[in-house]
Amino acid sequence: VLVLAGGVAAKLEIDRVAAPRLYNELGPLRIEGTVERAELRESSTRIVLRTTRIGSLNPETAPRRLQLTWRGTHPLPEAGATLSALALVRPAPGPDRPGGFH
């Protein structure tokens, strides 16, 4: 019974944290959302955006967050700011060393 309860709990947690993801490069397309955080880097700005629109993707199957790299020098957007941009959207990169942490 405990093993079954553990399996059910694990499945519920997996379903809770599951999020839509991209598998192919898209764009350029219009993205819109709210800045969750932003940080200046040496030659770019990194922004985490809670998306409200990614082109014509169905919101139910589109990622809810994107990490953007904004090249060049720009003012740092504040958390909570609304952002709209034309962008190339790529899937997250895979692991640097698959199987390297056994």
C-alpha atoms as a PDB file:
ATOM      1  CA  VAL A   1       0.000   0.000   0.000  1.00  0.00           C
ATOM      2  CA  LEU A   2       2.851   2.400   0.842  1.00  0.00           C
ATOM      3  CA  VAL A   3       4.544   1.713  -2.501  1.00  0.00           C
ATOM      4  CA  LEU A   4       1.284   2.447  -4.330  1.00  0.00           C
ATOM      5  CA  ALA A   5       0.806   5.676  -2.333  1.00  0.00           C
ATOM      6  CA  GLY A   6       4.379   6.726  -3.161  1.00  0.00           C
ATOM      7  CA  GLY A   7       3.797   6.067  -6.858  1.00  0.00           C
ATOM      8  CA  VAL A   8       0.584   8.100  -6.837  1.00  0.00           C
ATOM      9  CA  ALA A   9       2.322  10.966  -4.997  1.00  0.00           C
ATOM     10  CA  ALA A  10       5.177  10.954  -7.527  1.00  0.00           C
ATOM     11  CA  LYS A  11       2.759  11.024 -10.471  1.00  0.00           C
ATOM     12  CA  LEU A  12       0.821  13.932  -8.937  1.00  0.00           C
ATOM     13  CA  GLU A  13       4.062  15.915  -8.459  1.00  0.00           C
ATOM     14  CA  ILE A  14       5.183  15.220 -12.034  1.00  0.00           C
ATOM     15  CA  ASP A  15       1.831  16.433 -13.357  1.00  0.00           C
ATOM     16  CA  ARG A  16       1.981  19.512 -11.121  1.00  0.00           C
ATOM     17  CA  VAL A  17       5.385  20.709 -12.362  1.00  0.00           C
ATOM     18  CA  ALA A  18       5.007  19.629 -16.006  1.00  0.00           C
ATOM     19  CA  ALA A  19       5.141  22.548 -18.408  1.00  0.00           C
ATOM     20  CA  PRO A  20       4.831  22.845 -22.176  1.00  0.00           C
ATOM     21  CA  ARG A  21       8.167  23.117 -23.965  1.00  0.00           C
ATOM     22  CA  LEU A  22       9.478  23.841 -27.437  1.00  0.00           C
ATOM     23  CA  TYR A  23      11.211  21.250 -29.590  1.00  0.00           C
ATOM     24  CA  ASN A  24      11.959  23.339 -32.701  1.00  0.00           C
ATOM     25  CA  GLU A  25      13.182  26.844 -33.454  1.00  0.00           C
ATOM     26  CA  LEU A  26      10.345  29.241 -34.247  1.00  0.00           C
ATOM     27  CA  GLY A  27      10.231  32.719 -35.667  1.00  0.00           C
ATOM     28  CA  PRO A  28      10.817  35.411 -35.926  1.00  0.00           C
ATOM     29  CA  LEU A  29       7.502  35.888 -34.126  1.00  0.00           C
ATOM     30  CA  ARG A  30       5.863  38.333 -31.745  1.00  0.00           C
ATOM     31  CA  ILE A  31       6.269  37.467 -28.071  1.00  0.00           C
ATOM     32  CA  GLU A  32       4.568  39.294 -25.228  1.00  0.00           C
ATOM     33  CA  GLY A  33       4.619  38.929 -21.490  1.00  0.00           C
ATOM     34  CA  THR A  34       5.657  40.242 -18.103  1.00  0.00           C
ATOM     35  CA  VAL A  35       9.276  40.466 -16.969  1.00  0.00           C
ATOM     36  CA  GLU A  36       9.865  38.219 -13.951  1.00  0.00           C
ATOM     37  CA  ARG A  37      13.534  39.105 -13.609  1.00  0.00           C
ATOM     38  CA  ALA A  38      16.327  40.651 -15.645  1.00  0.00           C
ATOM     39  CA  GLU A  39      20.091  40.795 -15.256  1.00  0.00           C
ATOM     40  CA  LEU A  40      22.791  42.690 -17.097  1.00  0.00           C
ATOM     41  CA  ARG A  41      25.534  40.544 -18.536  1.00  0.00           C
ATOM     42  CA  GLU A  42      28.794  41.528 -20.222  1.00  0.00           C
ATOM     43  CA  SER A  43      27.369  42.027 -23.722  1.00  0.00           C
ATOM     44  CA  SER A  44      23.664  41.326 -23.271  1.00  0.00           C
ATOM     45  CA  THR A  45      20.667  41.362 -20.967  1.00  0.00           C
ATOM     46  CA  ARG A  46      19.056  38.109 -19.779  1.00  0.00           C
ATOM     47  CA  ILE A  47      15.319  38.303 -19.149  1.00  0.00           C
ATOM     48  CA  VAL A  48      12.900  35.715 -17.775  1.00  0.00           C
ATOM     49  CA  LEU A  49       9.513  36.471 -19.310  1.00  0.00           C
ATOM     50  CA  ARG A  50       6.169  35.056 -18.138  1.00  0.00           C
ATOM     51  CA  THR A  51       4.512  34.818 -21.541  1.00  0.00           C
ATOM     52  CA  THR A  52       1.044  35.954 -22.512  1.00  0.00           C
ATOM     53  CA  ARG A  53       1.587  35.402 -26.235  1.00  0.00           C
ATOM     54  CA  ILE A  54       4.095  33.539 -28.401  1.00  0.00           C
ATOM     55  CA  GLY A  55       3.158  34.205 -32.010  1.00  0.00           C
ATOM     56  CA  SER A  56       0.088  32.223 -32.958  1.00  0.00           C
ATOM     57  CA  LEU A  57       0.840  29.289 -30.626  1.00  0.00           C
ATOM     58  CA  ASN A  58      -2.079  27.993 -28.607  1.00  0.00           C
ATOM     59  CA  PRO A  59      -1.603  29.361 -25.049  1.00  0.00           C
ATOM     60  CA  GLU A  60      -2.468  25.920 -23.630  1.00  0.00           C
ATOM     61  CA  THR A  61       0.500  24.288 -25.400  1.00  0.00           C
ATOM     62  CA  ALA A  62       2.952  27.215 -25.420  1.00  0.00           C
ATOM     63  CA  PRO A  63       5.670  27.604 -22.778  1.00  0.00           C
ATOM     64  CA  ARG A  64       4.588  29.785 -19.871  1.00  0.00           C
ATOM     65  CA  ARG A  65       8.095  31.239 -19.441  1.00  0.00           C
ATOM     66  CA  LEU A  66      10.919  32.104 -21.797  1.00  0.00           C
ATOM     67  CA  GLN A  67      14.496  33.038 -21.033  1.00  0.00           C
ATOM     68  CA  LEU A  68      15.495  35.793 -23.449  1.00  0.00           C
ATOM     69  CA  THR A  69      18.948  37.033 -24.367  1.00  0.00           C
ATOM     70  CA  TRP A  70      18.811  40.618 -25.516  1.00  0.00           C
ATOM     71  CA  ARG A  71      22.041  41.537 -27.344  1.00  0.00           C
ATOM     72  CA  GLY A  72      23.643  44.952 -27.130  1.00  0.00           C
ATOM     73  CA  THR A  73      23.196  47.685 -24.570  1.00  0.00           C
ATOM     74  CA  HIS A  74      19.648  48.376 -23.455  1.00  0.00           C
ATOM     75  CA  PRO A  75      18.123  49.713 -20.264  1.00  0.00           C
ATOM     76  CA  LEU A  76      17.425  46.929 -17.782  1.00  0.00           C
ATOM     77  CA  PRO A  77      13.652  46.283 -17.678  1.00  0.00           C
ATOM     78  CA  GLU A  78      12.170  46.122 -14.193  1.00  0.00           C
ATOM     79  CA  ALA A  79      10.330  43.083 -12.841  1.00  0.00           C
ATOM     80  CA  GLY A  80       6.645  43.514 -13.606  1.00  0.00           C
ATOM     81  CA  ALA A  81       7.253  45.493 -16.806  1.00  0.00           C
ATOM     82  CA  THR A  82       5.339  44.423 -19.917  1.00  0.00           C
ATOM     83  CA  LEU A  83       7.509  43.441 -22.871  1.00  0.00           C
ATOM     84  CA  SER A  84       6.623  42.924 -26.520  1.00  0.00           C
ATOM     85  CA  ALA A  85       9.286  41.965 -29.074  1.00  0.00           C
ATOM     86  CA  LEU A  86       9.928  40.215 -32.348  1.00  0.00           C
ATOM     87  CA  ALA A  87      12.179  37.246 -31.556  1.00  0.00           C
ATOM     88  CA  LEU A  88      13.614  33.928 -32.642  1.00  0.00           C
ATOM     89  CA  VAL A  89      12.488  31.343 -30.099  1.00  0.00           C
ATOM     90  CA  ARG A  90      14.645  28.261 -29.612  1.00  0.00           C
ATOM     91  CA  PRO A  91      14.189  25.211 -27.391  1.00  0.00           C
ATOM     92  CA  ALA A  92      16.269  24.954 -24.250  1.00  0.00           C
ATOM     93  CA  PRO A  93      19.663  23.351 -24.895  1.00  0.00           C
ATOM     94  CA  GLY A  94      20.242  19.754 -23.898  1.00  0.00           C
ATOM     95  CA  PRO A  95      22.688  18.639 -21.221  1.00  0.00           C
ATOM     96  CA  ASP A  96      26.372  19.531 -21.683  1.00  0.00           C
ATOM     97  CA  ARG A  97      27.474  16.032 -20.664  1.00  0.00           C
ATOM     98  CA  PRO A  98      24.679  13.481 -21.054  1.00  0.00           C
ATOM     99  CA  GLY A  99      25.186  10.706 -18.516  1.00  0.00           C
ATOM    100  CA  GLY A 100      27.992  12.662 -16.835  1.00  0.00           C
ATOM    101  CA  PHE A 101      26.440  12.549 -13.354  1.00  0.00           C
ATOM    102  CA  HIS A 102      26.100   8.841 -12.639  1.00  0.00           C
END
